[in-house]
Amino acid sequence: MSHRIFGVSLASIYPHYVAKVERKGRAKEDVDRVVCWLTGYDAAGLDAVLAAGTDLETFFAEAPGLNPHAAEITGLICGIRVEEIEDPLMQRIRWMDKLVDEVARGKKMTSVLRGSTAPAGSSAAGDAGAR
């Protein structure tokens, strides 16, 4: 079953992510950092995806590399446990939502990034495969 959200562009959701964290005193760079951590995109790759209006299905399909610690993202998003979502693409989208929620709630970045200290804009596996 294909969900309507799969065809939504990241660029249409991204400003809402940024507004959400900024309302709570965090910065756009924090959103960029968690999205890059999750997907392996670097800052330039993320900017290119946003500029191109890439849909979420393509965004995740072309991601340089899903972070190996992504499966550690647990908890509720929209009343659903992210670790129990069966559709892999929907789970990745909800992981991204969950990370942004954690940033907005003021969690420390090392906790949000599941103990990683990777700098903003770099992937967990390095920038070799980054777009």
Protein backbone atom coordinates (compact mmCIF):
# COMPACT_ATOMS: atom_id res chain seq x y z
CA MET A 1 0.00 0.00 0.00
CA SER A 2 1.41 3.34 -1.01
CA HIS A 3 0.77 6.19 1.38
CA ARG A 4 0.15 9.72 0.16
CA ILE A 5 3.00 11.00 2.35
CA PHE A 6 5.51 9.10 0.16
CA GLY A 7 4.90 11.55 -2.69
CA VAL A 8 5.21 14.67 -0.54
CA SER A 9 8.40 16.66 -1.08
CA LEU A 10 10.89 17.01 1.74
CA ALA A 11 10.97 20.73 0.88
CA SER A 12 7.30 21.04 1.85
CA ILE A 13 7.85 19.43 5.27
CA TYR A 14 11.27 20.87 6.08
CA PRO A 15 10.10 24.43 6.93
CA HIS A 16 7.68 22.94 9.47
CA TYR A 17 10.53 21.00 11.07
CA VAL A 18 12.62 24.17 11.28
CA ALA A 19 9.74 26.25 12.68
CA LYS A 20 9.02 23.58 15.29
CA VAL A 21 12.57 23.52 16.64
CA GLU A 22 13.02 27.30 16.41
CA ARG A 23 9.88 27.82 18.53
CA LYS A 24 11.65 25.79 21.19
CA GLY A 25 14.92 27.74 20.97
CA ARG A 26 16.82 25.35 18.72
CA ALA A 27 18.26 26.08 15.27
CA LYS A 28 17.82 25.04 11.63
CA GLU A 29 21.29 23.51 11.87
CA ASP A 30 19.95 21.06 14.44
CA VAL A 31 17.32 19.86 11.96
CA ASP A 32 19.99 19.54 9.26
CA ARG A 33 22.21 17.59 11.63
CA VAL A 34 19.59 14.98 12.53
CA VAL A 35 18.38 14.58 8.93
CA CYS A 36 21.96 14.15 7.71
CA TRP A 37 22.74 11.76 10.58
CA LEU A 38 19.74 9.59 9.70
CA THR A 39 20.21 9.52 5.93
CA GLY A 40 23.91 10.03 5.23
CA TYR A 41 23.37 13.14 3.12
CA ASP A 42 25.89 15.91 3.62
CA ALA A 43 24.84 19.57 3.86
CA ALA A 44 25.24 20.15 0.10
CA GLY A 45 23.27 16.99 -0.69
CA LEU A 46 20.46 18.02 1.64
CA ASP A 47 20.36 21.49 0.08
CA ALA A 48 20.18 19.92 -3.41
CA VAL A 49 17.30 17.63 -2.42
CA LEU A 50 15.41 20.57 -0.94
CA ALA A 51 16.00 22.72 -4.03
CA ALA A 52 14.91 19.91 -6.37
CA GLY A 53 11.66 19.29 -4.50
CA THR A 54 12.50 15.60 -4.13
CA ASP A 55 9.66 13.49 -2.72
CA LEU A 56 10.17 11.47 0.46
CA GLU A 57 10.19 8.13 -1.35
CA THR A 58 13.04 9.25 -3.62
CA PHE A 59 14.80 11.10 -0.78
CA PHE A 60 15.12 7.89 1.24
CA ALA A 61 15.69 5.63 -1.79
CA GLU A 62 18.65 7.77 -2.87
CA ALA A 63 20.00 8.41 0.63
CA PRO A 64 23.74 7.74 0.75
CA GLY A 65 23.34 5.46 3.75
CA LEU A 66 20.85 4.99 6.53
CA ASN A 67 22.57 5.38 9.89
CA PRO A 68 23.26 1.98 11.45
CA HIS A 69 21.92 3.30 14.78
CA ALA A 70 18.55 4.31 13.30
CA ALA A 71 16.94 1.14 14.68
CA GLU A 72 17.62 2.55 18.16
CA ILE A 73 15.00 5.25 17.51
CA THR A 74 12.00 4.22 19.58
CA GLY A 75 8.92 5.79 21.05
CA LEU A 76 5.61 7.22 19.96
CA ILE A 77 4.92 9.48 17.02
CA CYS A 78 1.29 10.29 16.25
CA GLY A 79 0.31 7.63 18.79
CA ILE A 80 2.19 4.87 16.96
CA ARG A 81 5.36 3.14 18.17
CA VAL A 82 8.01 3.83 15.52
CA GLU A 83 9.75 0.53 16.22
CA GLU A 84 6.55 -1.36 15.30
CA ILE A 85 5.92 0.28 11.91
CA GLU A 86 6.11 -2.48 9.29
CA ASP A 87 6.51 -0.44 6.09
CA PRO A 88 10.24 0.42 5.87
CA LEU A 89 9.70 3.77 4.13
CA MET A 90 7.01 4.86 6.58
CA GLN A 91 9.28 3.85 9.45
CA ARG A 92 12.12 5.99 8.06
CA ILE A 93 9.80 8.98 7.68
CA ARG A 94 8.59 8.52 11.25
CA TRP A 95 12.16 8.14 12.49
CA MET A 96 12.91 11.53 10.97
CA ASP A 97 9.78 12.99 12.62
CA LYS A 98 10.84 11.48 15.95
CA LEU A 99 14.35 12.93 15.74
CA VAL A 100 12.97 16.40 15.03
CA ASP A 101 10.53 16.02 17.94
CA GLU A 102 13.39 15.09 20.25
CA VAL A 103 15.37 18.16 19.15
CA ALA A 104 12.29 20.35 19.72
CA ARG A 105 11.83 18.85 23.19
CA GLY A 106 15.34 19.97 24.09
CA LYS A 107 17.09 16.62 24.27
CA LYS A 108 20.87 16.77 24.12
CA MET A 109 22.15 16.20 20.61
CA THR A 110 24.31 13.22 21.69
CA SER A 111 21.13 11.56 22.98
CA VAL A 112 19.14 12.41 19.84
CA LEU A 113 21.96 11.02 17.68
CA ARG A 114 22.06 7.86 19.79
CA GLY A 115 25.48 8.59 21.27
CA SER A 116 27.08 9.69 18.01
CA THR A 117 29.26 12.77 17.95
CA ALA A 118 29.26 13.10 14.16
CA PRO A 119 29.43 16.75 13.12
CA ALA A 120 26.58 18.39 11.25
CA GLY A 121 26.49 17.53 7.59
CA SER A 122 28.52 14.34 7.79
CA SER A 123 27.25 10.83 7.54
CA ALA A 124 27.93 8.07 10.04
CA ALA A 125 30.09 6.26 7.48
CA GLY A 126 32.01 9.37 6.51
CA ASP A 127 31.43 11.64 3.55
CA ALA A 128 32.74 9.24 0.92
CA GLY A 129 29.26 8.24 -0.21
CA ALA A 130 27.54 11.54 0.49
CA ARG A 131 25.59 13.30 -2.22
